[in-house]
PDBML (XML) file of the C-alpha atoms, coordinates in Angstrom:
<?xml version="1.0" encoding="UTF-8" ?>
<PDBx:datablock datablockName="MODEL"
   xmlns:PDBx="http://pdbml.pdb.org/schema/pdbx-v50.xsd"
   xmlns:xsi="http://www.w3.org/2001/XMLSchema-instance"
   xsi:schemaLocation="http://pdbml.pdb.org/schema/pdbx-v50.xsd pdbx-v50.xsd">
   <PDBx:atom_siteCategory>
      <PDBx:atom_site id="1">
         <PDBx:B_iso_or_equiv>0.00</PDBx:B_iso_or_equiv>
         <PDBx:Cartn_x>-83.958</PDBx:Cartn_x>
         <PDBx:Cartn_y>-33.835</PDBx:Cartn_y>
         <PDBx:Cartn_z>78.717</PDBx:Cartn_z>
         <PDBx:auth_asym_id>A</PDBx:auth_asym_id>
         <PDBx:auth_atom_id>CA</PDBx:auth_atom_id>
         <PDBx:auth_comp_id>ALA</PDBx:auth_comp_id>
         <PDBx:auth_seq_id>1</PDBx:auth_seq_id>
         <PDBx:group_PDB>ATOM</PDBx:group_PDB>
         <PDBx:label_alt_id xsi:nil="true" />
         <PDBx:label_asym_id>A</PDBx:label_asym_id>
         <PDBx:label_atom_id>CA</PDBx:label_atom_id>
         <PDBx:label_comp_id>ALA</PDBx:label_comp_id>
         <PDBx:label_entity_id>1</PDBx:label_entity_id>
         <PDBx:label_seq_id>1</PDBx:label_seq_id>
         <PDBx:occupancy>1.00</PDBx:occupancy>
         <PDBx:pdbx_PDB_model_num>1</PDBx:pdbx_PDB_model_num>
         <PDBx:type_symbol>C</PDBx:type_symbol>
      </PDBx:atom_site>
      <PDBx:atom_site id="2">
         <PDBx:B_iso_or_equiv>0.00</PDBx:B_iso_or_equiv>
         <PDBx:Cartn_x>-86.745</PDBx:Cartn_x>
         <PDBx:Cartn_y>-32.824</PDBx:Cartn_y>
         <PDBx:Cartn_z>76.345</PDBx:Cartn_z>
         <PDBx:auth_asym_id>A</PDBx:auth_asym_id>
         <PDBx:auth_atom_id>CA</PDBx:auth_atom_id>
         <PDBx:auth_comp_id>LYS</PDBx:auth_comp_id>
         <PDBx:auth_seq_id>2</PDBx:auth_seq_id>
         <PDBx:group_PDB>ATOM</PDBx:group_PDB>
         <PDBx:label_alt_id xsi:nil="true" />
         <PDBx:label_asym_id>A</PDBx:label_asym_id>
         <PDBx:label_atom_id>CA</PDBx:label_atom_id>
         <PDBx:label_comp_id>LYS</PDBx:label_comp_id>
         <PDBx:label_entity_id>1</PDBx:label_entity_id>
         <PDBx:label_seq_id>2</PDBx:label_seq_id>
         <PDBx:occupancy>1.00</PDBx:occupancy>
         <PDBx:pdbx_PDB_model_num>1</PDBx:pdbx_PDB_model_num>
         <PDBx:type_symbol>C</PDBx:type_symbol>
      </PDBx:atom_site>
      <PDBx:atom_site id="3">
         <PDBx:B_iso_or_equiv>0.00</PDBx:B_iso_or_equiv>
         <PDBx:Cartn_x>-89.222</PDBx:Cartn_x>
         <PDBx:Cartn_y>-35.438</PDBx:Cartn_y>
         <PDBx:Cartn_z>77.607</PDBx:Cartn_z>
         <PDBx:auth_asym_id>A</PDBx:auth_asym_id>
         <PDBx:auth_atom_id>CA</PDBx:auth_atom_id>
         <PDBx:auth_comp_id>SER</PDBx:auth_comp_id>
         <PDBx:auth_seq_id>3</PDBx:auth_seq_id>
         <PDBx:group_PDB>ATOM</PDBx:group_PDB>
         <PDBx:label_alt_id xsi:nil="true" />
         <PDBx:label_asym_id>A</PDBx:label_asym_id>
         <PDBx:label_atom_id>CA</PDBx:label_atom_id>
         <PDBx:label_comp_id>SER</PDBx:label_comp_id>
         <PDBx:label_entity_id>1</PDBx:label_entity_id>
         <PDBx:label_seq_id>3</PDBx:label_seq_id>
         <PDBx:occupancy>1.00</PDBx:occupancy>
         <PDBx:pdbx_PDB_model_num>1</PDBx:pdbx_PDB_model_num>
         <PDBx:type_symbol>C</PDBx:type_symbol>
      </PDBx:atom_site>
      <PDBx:atom_site id="4">
         <PDBx:B_iso_or_equiv>0.00</PDBx:B_iso_or_equiv>
         <PDBx:Cartn_x>-88.574</PDBx:Cartn_x>
         <PDBx:Cartn_y>-34.497</PDBx:Cartn_y>
         <PDBx:Cartn_z>81.249</PDBx:Cartn_z>
         <PDBx:auth_asym_id>A</PDBx:auth_asym_id>
         <PDBx:auth_atom_id>CA</PDBx:auth_atom_id>
         <PDBx:auth_comp_id>GLN</PDBx:auth_comp_id>
         <PDBx:auth_seq_id>4</PDBx:auth_seq_id>
         <PDBx:group_PDB>ATOM</PDBx:group_PDB>
         <PDBx:label_alt_id xsi:nil="true" />
         <PDBx:label_asym_id>A</PDBx:label_asym_id>
         <PDBx:label_atom_id>CA</PDBx:label_atom_id>
         <PDBx:label_comp_id>GLN</PDBx:label_comp_id>
         <PDBx:label_entity_id>1</PDBx:label_entity_id>
         <PDBx:label_seq_id>4</PDBx:label_seq_id>
         <PDBx:occupancy>1.00</PDBx:occupancy>
         <PDBx:pdbx_PDB_model_num>1</PDBx:pdbx_PDB_model_num>
         <PDBx:type_symbol>C</PDBx:type_symbol>
      </PDBx:atom_site>
      <PDBx:atom_site id="5">
         <PDBx:B_iso_or_equiv>0.00</PDBx:B_iso_or_equiv>
         <PDBx:Cartn_x>-88.225</PDBx:Cartn_x>
         <PDBx:Cartn_y>-30.763</PDBx:Cartn_y>
         <PDBx:Cartn_z>80.546</PDBx:Cartn_z>
         <PDBx:auth_asym_id>A</PDBx:auth_asym_id>
         <PDBx:auth_atom_id>CA</PDBx:auth_atom_id>
         <PDBx:auth_comp_id>ASN</PDBx:auth_comp_id>
         <PDBx:auth_seq_id>5</PDBx:auth_seq_id>
         <PDBx:group_PDB>ATOM</PDBx:group_PDB>
         <PDBx:label_alt_id xsi:nil="true" />
         <PDBx:label_asym_id>A</PDBx:label_asym_id>
         <PDBx:label_atom_id>CA</PDBx:label_atom_id>
         <PDBx:label_comp_id>ASN</PDBx:label_comp_id>
         <PDBx:label_entity_id>1</PDBx:label_entity_id>
         <PDBx:label_seq_id>5</PDBx:label_seq_id>
         <PDBx:occupancy>1.00</PDBx:occupancy>
         <PDBx:pdbx_PDB_model_num>1</PDBx:pdbx_PDB_model_num>
         <PDBx:type_symbol>C</PDBx:type_symbol>
      </PDBx:atom_site>
      <PDBx:atom_site id="6">
         <PDBx:B_iso_or_equiv>0.00</PDBx:B_iso_or_equiv>
         <PDBx:Cartn_x>-84.870</PDBx:Cartn_x>
         <PDBx:Cartn_y>-30.777</PDBx:Cartn_y>
         <PDBx:Cartn_z>82.331</PDBx:Cartn_z>
         <PDBx:auth_asym_id>A</PDBx:auth_asym_id>
         <PDBx:auth_atom_id>CA</PDBx:auth_atom_id>
         <PDBx:auth_comp_id>ASP</PDBx:auth_comp_id>
         <PDBx:auth_seq_id>6</PDBx:auth_seq_id>
         <PDBx:group_PDB>ATOM</PDBx:group_PDB>
         <PDBx:label_alt_id xsi:nil="true" />
         <PDBx:label_asym_id>A</PDBx:label_asym_id>
         <PDBx:label_atom_id>CA</PDBx:label_atom_id>
         <PDBx:label_comp_id>ASP</PDBx:label_comp_id>
         <PDBx:label_entity_id>1</PDBx:label_entity_id>
         <PDBx:label_seq_id>6</PDBx:label_seq_id>
         <PDBx:occupancy>1.00</PDBx:occupancy>
         <PDBx:pdbx_PDB_model_num>1</PDBx:pdbx_PDB_model_num>
         <PDBx:type_symbol>C</PDBx:type_symbol>
      </PDBx:atom_site>
      <PDBx:atom_site id="7">
         <PDBx:B_iso_or_equiv>0.00</PDBx:B_iso_or_equiv>
         <PDBx:Cartn_x>-81.869</PDBx:Cartn_x>
         <PDBx:Cartn_y>-29.255</PDBx:Cartn_y>
         <PDBx:Cartn_z>80.507</PDBx:Cartn_z>
         <PDBx:auth_asym_id>A</PDBx:auth_asym_id>
         <PDBx:auth_atom_id>CA</PDBx:auth_atom_id>
         <PDBx:auth_comp_id>PRO</PDBx:auth_comp_id>
         <PDBx:auth_seq_id>7</PDBx:auth_seq_id>
         <PDBx:group_PDB>ATOM</PDBx:group_PDB>
         <PDBx:label_alt_id xsi:nil="true" />
         <PDBx:label_asym_id>A</PDBx:label_asym_id>
         <PDBx:label_atom_id>CA</PDBx:label_atom_id>
         <PDBx:label_comp_id>PRO</PDBx:label_comp_id>
         <PDBx:label_entity_id>1</PDBx:label_entity_id>
         <PDBx:label_seq_id>7</PDBx:label_seq_id>
         <PDBx:occupancy>1.00</PDBx:occupancy>
         <PDBx:pdbx_PDB_model_num>1</PDBx:pdbx_PDB_model_num>
         <PDBx:type_symbol>C</PDBx:type_symbol>
      </PDBx:atom_site>
      <PDBx:atom_site id="8">
         <PDBx:B_iso_or_equiv>0.00</PDBx:B_iso_or_equiv>
         <PDBx:Cartn_x>-79.659</PDBx:Cartn_x>
         <PDBx:Cartn_y>-30.234</PDBx:Cartn_y>
         <PDBx:Cartn_z>83.428</PDBx:Cartn_z>
         <PDBx:auth_asym_id>A</PDBx:auth_asym_id>
         <PDBx:auth_atom_id>CA</PDBx:auth_atom_id>
         <PDBx:auth_comp_id>GLY</PDBx:auth_comp_id>
         <PDBx:auth_seq_id>8</PDBx:auth_seq_id>
         <PDBx:group_PDB>ATOM</PDBx:group_PDB>
         <PDBx:label_alt_id xsi:nil="true" />
         <PDBx:label_asym_id>A</PDBx:label_asym_id>
         <PDBx:label_atom_id>CA</PDBx:label_atom_id>
         <PDBx:label_comp_id>GLY</PDBx:label_comp_id>
         <PDBx:label_entity_id>1</PDBx:label_entity_id>
         <PDBx:label_seq_id>8</PDBx:label_seq_id>
         <PDBx:occupancy>1.00</PDBx:occupancy>
         <PDBx:pdbx_PDB_model_num>1</PDBx:pdbx_PDB_model_num>
         <PDBx:type_symbol>C</PDBx:type_symbol>
      </PDBx:atom_site>
      <PDBx:atom_site id="9">
         <PDBx:B_iso_or_equiv>0.00</PDBx:B_iso_or_equiv>
         <PDBx:Cartn_x>-80.161</PDBx:Cartn_x>
         <PDBx:Cartn_y>-33.888</PDBx:Cartn_y>
         <PDBx:Cartn_z>82.553</PDBx:Cartn_z>
         <PDBx:auth_asym_id>A</PDBx:auth_asym_id>
         <PDBx:auth_atom_id>CA</PDBx:auth_atom_id>
         <PDBx:auth_comp_id>LEU</PDBx:auth_comp_id>
         <PDBx:auth_seq_id>9</PDBx:auth_seq_id>
         <PDBx:group_PDB>ATOM</PDBx:group_PDB>
         <PDBx:label_alt_id xsi:nil="true" />
         <PDBx:label_asym_id>A</PDBx:label_asym_id>
         <PDBx:label_atom_id>CA</PDBx:label_atom_id>
         <PDBx:label_comp_id>LEU</PDBx:label_comp_id>
         <PDBx:label_entity_id>1</PDBx:label_entity_id>
         <PDBx:label_seq_id>9</PDBx:label_seq_id>
         <PDBx:occupancy>1.00</PDBx:occupancy>
         <PDBx:pdbx_PDB_model_num>1</PDBx:pdbx_PDB_model_num>
         <PDBx:type_symbol>C</PDBx:type_symbol>
      </PDBx:atom_site>
      <PDBx:atom_site id="10">
         <PDBx:B_iso_or_equiv>0.00</PDBx:B_iso_or_equiv>
         <PDBx:Cartn_x>-78.324</PDBx:Cartn_x>
         <PDBx:Cartn_y>-33.530</PDBx:Cartn_y>
         <PDBx:Cartn_z>79.242</PDBx:Cartn_z>
         <PDBx:auth_asym_id>A</PDBx:auth_asym_id>
         <PDBx:auth_atom_id>CA</PDBx:auth_atom_id>
         <PDBx:auth_comp_id>ALA</PDBx:auth_comp_id>
         <PDBx:auth_seq_id>10</PDBx:auth_seq_id>
         <PDBx:group_PDB>ATOM</PDBx:group_PDB>
         <PDBx:label_alt_id xsi:nil="true" />
         <PDBx:label_asym_id>A</PDBx:label_asym_id>
         <PDBx:label_atom_id>CA</PDBx:label_atom_id>
         <PDBx:label_comp_id>ALA</PDBx:label_comp_id>
         <PDBx:label_entity_id>1</PDBx:label_entity_id>
         <PDBx:label_seq_id>10</PDBx:label_seq_id>
         <PDBx:occupancy>1.00</PDBx:occupancy>
         <PDBx:pdbx_PDB_model_num>1</PDBx:pdbx_PDB_model_num>
         <PDBx:type_symbol>C</PDBx:type_symbol>
      </PDBx:atom_site>
      <PDBx:atom_site id="11">
         <PDBx:B_iso_or_equiv>0.00</PDBx:B_iso_or_equiv>
         <PDBx:Cartn_x>-75.510</PDBx:Cartn_x>
         <PDBx:Cartn_y>-31.592</PDBx:Cartn_y>
         <PDBx:Cartn_z>80.876</PDBx:Cartn_z>
         <PDBx:auth_asym_id>A</PDBx:auth_asym_id>
         <PDBx:auth_atom_id>CA</PDBx:auth_atom_id>
         <PDBx:auth_comp_id>LYS</PDBx:auth_comp_id>
         <PDBx:auth_seq_id>11</PDBx:auth_seq_id>
         <PDBx:group_PDB>ATOM</PDBx:group_PDB>
         <PDBx:label_alt_id xsi:nil="true" />
         <PDBx:label_asym_id>A</PDBx:label_asym_id>
         <PDBx:label_atom_id>CA</PDBx:label_atom_id>
         <PDBx:label_comp_id>LYS</PDBx:label_comp_id>
         <PDBx:label_entity_id>1</PDBx:label_entity_id>
         <PDBx:label_seq_id>11</PDBx:label_seq_id>
         <PDBx:occupancy>1.00</PDBx:occupancy>
         <PDBx:pdbx_PDB_model_num>1</PDBx:pdbx_PDB_model_num>
         <PDBx:type_symbol>C</PDBx:type_symbol>
      </PDBx:atom_site>
      <PDBx:atom_site id="12">
         <PDBx:B_iso_or_equiv>0.00</PDBx:B_iso_or_equiv>
         <PDBx:Cartn_x>-75.110</PDBx:Cartn_x>
         <PDBx:Cartn_y>-34.229</PDBx:Cartn_y>
         <PDBx:Cartn_z>83.587</PDBx:Cartn_z>
         <PDBx:auth_asym_id>A</PDBx:auth_asym_id>
         <PDBx:auth_atom_id>CA</PDBx:auth_atom_id>
         <PDBx:auth_comp_id>SER</PDBx:auth_comp_id>
         <PDBx:auth_seq_id>12</PDBx:auth_seq_id>
         <PDBx:group_PDB>ATOM</PDBx:group_PDB>
         <PDBx:label_alt_id xsi:nil="true" />
         <PDBx:label_asym_id>A</PDBx:label_asym_id>
         <PDBx:label_atom_id>CA</PDBx:label_atom_id>
         <PDBx:label_comp_id>SER</PDBx:label_comp_id>
         <PDBx:label_entity_id>1</PDBx:label_entity_id>
         <PDBx:label_seq_id>12</PDBx:label_seq_id>
         <PDBx:occupancy>1.00</PDBx:occupancy>
         <PDBx:pdbx_PDB_model_num>1</PDBx:pdbx_PDB_model_num>
         <PDBx:type_symbol>C</PDBx:type_symbol>
      </PDBx:atom_site>
      <PDBx:atom_site id="13">
         <PDBx:B_iso_or_equiv>0.00</PDBx:B_iso_or_equiv>
         <PDBx:Cartn_x>-74.740</PDBx:Cartn_x>
         <PDBx:Cartn_y>-36.890</PDBx:Cartn_y>
         <PDBx:Cartn_z>80.896</PDBx:Cartn_z>
         <PDBx:auth_asym_id>A</PDBx:auth_asym_id>
         <PDBx:auth_atom_id>CA</PDBx:auth_atom_id>
         <PDBx:auth_comp_id>GLN</PDBx:auth_comp_id>
         <PDBx:auth_seq_id>13</PDBx:auth_seq_id>
         <PDBx:group_PDB>ATOM</PDBx:group_PDB>
         <PDBx:label_alt_id xsi:nil="true" />
         <PDBx:label_asym_id>A</PDBx:label_asym_id>
         <PDBx:label_atom_id>CA</PDBx:label_atom_id>
         <PDBx:label_comp_id>GLN</PDBx:label_comp_id>
         <PDBx:label_entity_id>1</PDBx:label_entity_id>
         <PDBx:label_seq_id>13</PDBx:label_seq_id>
         <PDBx:occupancy>1.00</PDBx:occupancy>
         <PDBx:pdbx_PDB_model_num>1</PDBx:pdbx_PDB_model_num>
         <PDBx:type_symbol>C</PDBx:type_symbol>
      </PDBx:atom_site>
      <PDBx:atom_site id="14">
         <PDBx:B_iso_or_equiv>0.00</PDBx:B_iso_or_equiv>
         <PDBx:Cartn_x>-71.958</PDBx:Cartn_x>
         <PDBx:Cartn_y>-34.843</PDBx:Cartn_y>
         <PDBx:Cartn_z>79.317</PDBx:Cartn_z>
         <PDBx:auth_asym_id>A</PDBx:auth_asym_id>
         <PDBx:auth_atom_id>CA</PDBx:auth_atom_id>
         <PDBx:auth_comp_id>VAL</PDBx:auth_comp_id>
         <PDBx:auth_seq_id>14</PDBx:auth_seq_id>
         <PDBx:group_PDB>ATOM</PDBx:group_PDB>
         <PDBx:label_alt_id xsi:nil="true" />
         <PDBx:label_asym_id>A</PDBx:label_asym_id>
         <PDBx:label_atom_id>CA</PDBx:label_atom_id>
         <PDBx:label_comp_id>VAL</PDBx:label_comp_id>
         <PDBx:label_entity_id>1</PDBx:label_entity_id>
         <PDBx:label_seq_id>14</PDBx:label_seq_id>
         <PDBx:occupancy>1.00</PDBx:occupancy>
         <PDBx:pdbx_PDB_model_num>1</PDBx:pdbx_PDB_model_num>
         <PDBx:type_symbol>C</PDBx:type_symbol>
      </PDBx:atom_site>
      <PDBx:atom_site id="15">
         <PDBx:B_iso_or_equiv>0.00</PDBx:B_iso_or_equiv>
         <PDBx:Cartn_x>-70.170</PDBx:Cartn_x>
         <PDBx:Cartn_y>-34.931</PDBx:Cartn_y>
         <PDBx:Cartn_z>82.671</PDBx:Cartn_z>
         <PDBx:auth_asym_id>A</PDBx:auth_asym_id>
         <PDBx:auth_atom_id>CA</PDBx:auth_atom_id>
         <PDBx:auth_comp_id>GLU</PDBx:auth_comp_id>
         <PDBx:auth_seq_id>15</PDBx:auth_seq_id>
         <PDBx:group_PDB>ATOM</PDBx:group_PDB>
         <PDBx:label_alt_id xsi:nil="true" />
         <PDBx:label_asym_id>A</PDBx:label_asym_id>
         <PDBx:label_atom_id>CA</PDBx:label_atom_id>
         <PDBx:label_comp_id>GLU</PDBx:label_comp_id>
         <PDBx:label_entity_id>1</PDBx:label_entity_id>
         <PDBx:label_seq_id>15</PDBx:label_seq_id>
         <PDBx:occupancy>1.00</PDBx:occupancy>
         <PDBx:pdbx_PDB_model_num>1</PDBx:pdbx_PDB_model_num>
         <PDBx:type_symbol>C</PDBx:type_symbol>
      </PDBx:atom_site>
      <PDBx:atom_site id="16">
         <PDBx:B_iso_or_equiv>0.00</PDBx:B_iso_or_equiv>
         <PDBx:Cartn_x>-70.570</PDBx:Cartn_x>
         <PDBx:Cartn_y>-38.719</PDBx:Cartn_y>
         <PDBx:Cartn_z>82.815</PDBx:Cartn_z>
         <PDBx:auth_asym_id>A</PDBx:auth_asym_id>
         <PDBx:auth_atom_id>CA</PDBx:auth_atom_id>
         <PDBx:auth_comp_id>HIS</PDBx:auth_comp_id>
         <PDBx:auth_seq_id>16</PDBx:auth_seq_id>
         <PDBx:group_PDB>ATOM</PDBx:group_PDB>
         <PDBx:label_alt_id xsi:nil="true" />
         <PDBx:label_asym_id>A</PDBx:label_asym_id>
         <PDBx:label_atom_id>CA</PDBx:label_atom_id>
         <PDBx:label_comp_id>HIS</PDBx:label_comp_id>
         <PDBx:label_entity_id>1</PDBx:label_entity_id>
         <PDBx:label_seq_id>16</PDBx:label_seq_id>
         <PDBx:occupancy>1.00</PDBx:occupancy>
         <PDBx:pdbx_PDB_model_num>1</PDBx:pdbx_PDB_model_num>
         <PDBx:type_symbol>C</PDBx:type_symbol>
      </PDBx:atom_site>
      <PDBx:atom_site id="17">
         <PDBx:B_iso_or_equiv>0.00</PDBx:B_iso_or_equiv>
         <PDBx:Cartn_x>-69.184</PDBx:Cartn_x>
         <PDBx:Cartn_y>-39.003</PDBx:Cartn_y>
         <PDBx:Cartn_z>79.284</PDBx:Cartn_z>
         <PDBx:auth_asym_id>A</PDBx:auth_asym_id>
         <PDBx:auth_atom_id>CA</PDBx:auth_atom_id>
         <PDBx:auth_comp_id>MET</PDBx:auth_comp_id>
         <PDBx:auth_seq_id>17</PDBx:auth_seq_id>
         <PDBx:group_PDB>ATOM</PDBx:group_PDB>
         <PDBx:label_alt_id xsi:nil="true" />
         <PDBx:label_asym_id>A</PDBx:label_asym_id>
         <PDBx:label_atom_id>CA</PDBx:label_atom_id>
         <PDBx:label_comp_id>MET</PDBx:label_comp_id>
         <PDBx:label_entity_id>1</PDBx:label_entity_id>
         <PDBx:label_seq_id>17</PDBx:label_seq_id>
         <PDBx:occupancy>1.00</PDBx:occupancy>
         <PDBx:pdbx_PDB_model_num>1</PDBx:pdbx_PDB_model_num>
         <PDBx:type_symbol>C</PDBx:type_symbol>
      </PDBx:atom_site>
      <PDBx:atom_site id="18">
         <PDBx:B_iso_or_equiv>0.00</PDBx:B_iso_or_equiv>
         <PDBx:Cartn_x>-66.199</PDBx:Cartn_x>
         <PDBx:Cartn_y>-36.925</PDBx:Cartn_y>
         <PDBx:Cartn_z>80.356</PDBx:Cartn_z>
         <PDBx:auth_asym_id>A</PDBx:auth_asym_id>
         <PDBx:auth_atom_id>CA</PDBx:auth_atom_id>
         <PDBx:auth_comp_id>GLY</PDBx:auth_comp_id>
         <PDBx:auth_seq_id>18</PDBx:auth_seq_id>
         <PDBx:group_PDB>ATOM</PDBx:group_PDB>
         <PDBx:label_alt_id xsi:nil="true" />
         <PDBx:label_asym_id>A</PDBx:label_asym_id>
         <PDBx:label_atom_id>CA</PDBx:label_atom_id>
         <PDBx:label_comp_id>GLY</PDBx:label_comp_id>
         <PDBx:label_entity_id>1</PDBx:label_entity_id>
         <PDBx:label_seq_id>18</PDBx:label_seq_id>
         <PDBx:occupancy>1.00</PDBx:occupancy>
         <PDBx:pdbx_PDB_model_num>1</PDBx:pdbx_PDB_model_num>
         <PDBx:type_symbol>C</PDBx:type_symbol>
      </PDBx:atom_site>
      <PDBx:atom_site id="19">
         <PDBx:B_iso_or_equiv>0.00</PDBx:B_iso_or_equiv>
         <PDBx:Cartn_x>-65.572</PDBx:Cartn_x>
         <PDBx:Cartn_y>-39.210</PDBx:Cartn_y>
         <PDBx:Cartn_z>83.324</PDBx:Cartn_z>
         <PDBx:auth_asym_id>A</PDBx:auth_asym_id>
         <PDBx:auth_atom_id>CA</PDBx:auth_atom_id>
         <PDBx:auth_comp_id>ALA</PDBx:auth_comp_id>
         <PDBx:auth_seq_id>19</PDBx:auth_seq_id>
         <PDBx:group_PDB>ATOM</PDBx:group_PDB>
         <PDBx:label_alt_id xsi:nil="true" />
         <PDBx:label_asym_id>A</PDBx:label_asym_id>
         <PDBx:label_atom_id>CA</PDBx:label_atom_id>
         <PDBx:label_comp_id>ALA</PDBx:label_comp_id>
         <PDBx:label_entity_id>1</PDBx:label_entity_id>
         <PDBx:label_seq_id>19</PDBx:label_seq_id>
         <PDBx:occupancy>1.00</PDBx:occupancy>
         <PDBx:pdbx_PDB_model_num>1</PDBx:pdbx_PDB_model_num>
         <PDBx:type_symbol>C</PDBx:type_symbol>
      </PDBx:atom_site>
      <PDBx:atom_site id="20">
         <PDBx:B_iso_or_equiv>0.00</PDBx:B_iso_or_equiv>
         <PDBx:Cartn_x>-65.834</PDBx:Cartn_x>
         <PDBx:Cartn_y>-42.259</PDBx:Cartn_y>
         <PDBx:Cartn_z>81.060</PDBx:Cartn_z>
         <PDBx:auth_asym_id>A</PDBx:auth_asym_id>
         <PDBx:auth_atom_id>CA</PDBx:auth_atom_id>
         <PDBx:auth_comp_id>TYR</PDBx:auth_comp_id>
         <PDBx:auth_seq_id>20</PDBx:auth_seq_id>
         <PDBx:group_PDB>ATOM</PDBx:group_PDB>
         <PDBx:label_alt_id xsi:nil="true" />
         <PDBx:label_asym_id>A</PDBx:label_asym_id>
         <PDBx:label_atom_id>CA</PDBx:label_atom_id>
         <PDBx:label_comp_id>TYR</PDBx:label_comp_id>
         <PDBx:label_entity_id>1</PDBx:label_entity_id>
         <PDBx:label_seq_id>20</PDBx:label_seq_id>
         <PDBx:occupancy>1.00</PDBx:occupancy>
         <PDBx:pdbx_PDB_model_num>1</PDBx:pdbx_PDB_model_num>
         <PDBx:type_symbol>C</PDBx:type_symbol>
      </PDBx:atom_site>
      <PDBx:atom_site id="21">
         <PDBx:B_iso_or_equiv>0.00</PDBx:B_iso_or_equiv>
         <PDBx:Cartn_x>-63.252</PDBx:Cartn_x>
         <PDBx:Cartn_y>-40.859</PDBx:Cartn_y>
         <PDBx:Cartn_z>78.626</PDBx:Cartn_z>
         <PDBx:auth_asym_id>A</PDBx:auth_asym_id>
         <PDBx:auth_atom_id>CA</PDBx:auth_atom_id>
         <PDBx:auth_comp_id>LEU</PDBx:auth_comp_id>
         <PDBx:auth_seq_id>21</PDBx:auth_seq_id>
         <PDBx:group_PDB>ATOM</PDBx:group_PDB>
         <PDBx:label_alt_id xsi:nil="true" />
         <PDBx:label_asym_id>A</PDBx:label_asym_id>
         <PDBx:label_atom_id>CA</PDBx:label_atom_id>
         <PDBx:label_comp_id>LEU</PDBx:label_comp_id>
         <PDBx:label_entity_id>1</PDBx:label_entity_id>
         <PDBx:label_seq_id>21</PDBx:label_seq_id>
         <PDBx:occupancy>1.00</PDBx:occupancy>
         <PDBx:pdbx_PDB_model_num>1</PDBx:pdbx_PDB_model_num>
         <PDBx:type_symbol>C</PDBx:type_symbol>
      </PDBx:atom_site>
      <PDBx:atom_site id="22">
         <PDBx:B_iso_or_equiv>0.00</PDBx:B_iso_or_equiv>
         <PDBx:Cartn_x>-60.881</PDBx:Cartn_x>
         <PDBx:Cartn_y>-40.132</PDBx:Cartn_y>
         <PDBx:Cartn_z>81.486</PDBx:Cartn_z>
         <PDBx:auth_asym_id>A</PDBx:auth_asym_id>
         <PDBx:auth_atom_id>CA</PDBx:auth_atom_id>
         <PDBx:auth_comp_id>LYS</PDBx:auth_comp_id>
         <PDBx:auth_seq_id>22</PDBx:auth_seq_id>
         <PDBx:group_PDB>ATOM</PDBx:group_PDB>
         <PDBx:label_alt_id xsi:nil="true" />
         <PDBx:label_asym_id>A</PDBx:label_asym_id>
         <PDBx:label_atom_id>CA</PDBx:label_atom_id>
         <PDBx:label_comp_id>LYS</PDBx:label_comp_id>
         <PDBx:label_entity_id>1</PDBx:label_entity_id>
         <PDBx:label_seq_id>22</PDBx:label_seq_id>
         <PDBx:occupancy>1.00</PDBx:occupancy>
         <PDBx:pdbx_PDB_model_num>1</PDBx:pdbx_PDB_model_num>
         <PDBx:type_symbol>C</PDBx:type_symbol>
      </PDBx:atom_site>
      <PDBx:atom_site id="23">
         <PDBx:B_iso_or_equiv>0.00</PDBx:B_iso_or_equiv>
         <PDBx:Cartn_x>-60.900</PDBx:Cartn_x>
         <PDBx:Cartn_y>-43.860</PDBx:Cartn_y>
         <PDBx:Cartn_z>82.160</PDBx:Cartn_z>
         <PDBx:auth_asym_id>A</PDBx:auth_asym_id>
         <PDBx:auth_atom_id>CA</PDBx:auth_atom_id>
         <PDBx:auth_comp_id>GLY</PDBx:auth_comp_id>
         <PDBx:auth_seq_id>23</PDBx:auth_seq_id>
         <PDBx:group_PDB>ATOM</PDBx:group_PDB>
         <PDBx:label_alt_id xsi:nil="true" />
         <PDBx:label_asym_id>A</PDBx:label_asym_id>
         <PDBx:label_atom_id>CA</PDBx:label_atom_id>
         <PDBx:label_comp_id>GLY</PDBx:label_comp_id>
         <PDBx:label_entity_id>1</PDBx:label_entity_id>
         <PDBx:label_seq_id>23</PDBx:label_seq_id>
         <PDBx:occupancy>1.00</PDBx:occupancy>
         <PDBx:pdbx_PDB_model_num>1</PDBx:pdbx_PDB_model_num>
         <PDBx:type_symbol>C</PDBx:type_symbol>
      </PDBx:atom_site>
      <PDBx:atom_site id="24">
         <PDBx:B_iso_or_equiv>0.00</PDBx:B_iso_or_equiv>
         <PDBx:Cartn_x>-59.662</PDBx:Cartn_x>
         <PDBx:Cartn_y>-44.411</PDBx:Cartn_y>
         <PDBx:Cartn_z>78.609</PDBx:Cartn_z>
         <PDBx:auth_asym_id>A</PDBx:auth_asym_id>
         <PDBx:auth_atom_id>CA</PDBx:auth_atom_id>
         <PDBx:auth_comp_id>LEU</PDBx:auth_comp_id>
         <PDBx:auth_seq_id>24</PDBx:auth_seq_id>
         <PDBx:group_PDB>ATOM</PDBx:group_PDB>
         <PDBx:label_alt_id xsi:nil="true" />
         <PDBx:label_asym_id>A</PDBx:label_asym_id>
         <PDBx:label_atom_id>CA</PDBx:label_atom_id>
         <PDBx:label_comp_id>LEU</PDBx:label_comp_id>
         <PDBx:label_entity_id>1</PDBx:label_entity_id>
         <PDBx:label_seq_id>24</PDBx:label_seq_id>
         <PDBx:occupancy>1.00</PDBx:occupancy>
         <PDBx:pdbx_PDB_model_num>1</PDBx:pdbx_PDB_model_num>
         <PDBx:type_symbol>C</PDBx:type_symbol>
      </PDBx:atom_site>
      <PDBx:atom_site id="25">
         <PDBx:B_iso_or_equiv>0.00</PDBx:B_iso_or_equiv>
         <PDBx:Cartn_x>-56.640</PDBx:Cartn_x>
         <PDBx:Cartn_y>-42.147</PDBx:Cartn_y>
         <PDBx:Cartn_z>78.950</PDBx:Cartn_z>
         <PDBx:auth_asym_id>A</PDBx:auth_asym_id>
         <PDBx:auth_atom_id>CA</PDBx:auth_atom_id>
         <PDBx:auth_comp_id>LYS</PDBx:auth_comp_id>
         <PDBx:auth_seq_id>25</PDBx:auth_seq_id>
         <PDBx:group_PDB>ATOM</PDBx:group_PDB>
         <PDBx:label_alt_id xsi:nil="true" />
         <PDBx:label_asym_id>A</PDBx:label_asym_id>
         <PDBx:label_atom_id>CA</PDBx:label_atom_id>
         <PDBx:label_comp_id>LYS</PDBx:label_comp_id>
         <PDBx:label_entity_id>1</PDBx:label_entity_id>
         <PDBx:label_seq_id>25</PDBx:label_seq_id>
         <PDBx:occupancy>1.00</PDBx:occupancy>
         <PDBx:pdbx_PDB_model_num>1</PDBx:pdbx_PDB_model_num>
         <PDBx:type_symbol>C</PDBx:type_symbol>
      </PDBx:atom_site>
   </PDBx:atom_siteCategory>
</PDBx:datablock>
């Protein structure tokens, strides 16, 4: 996110992490 000057990139990865954890429920 820092290298590409795109805060949305970090937030999108958080969403992916959330989806991944749902698969571990």
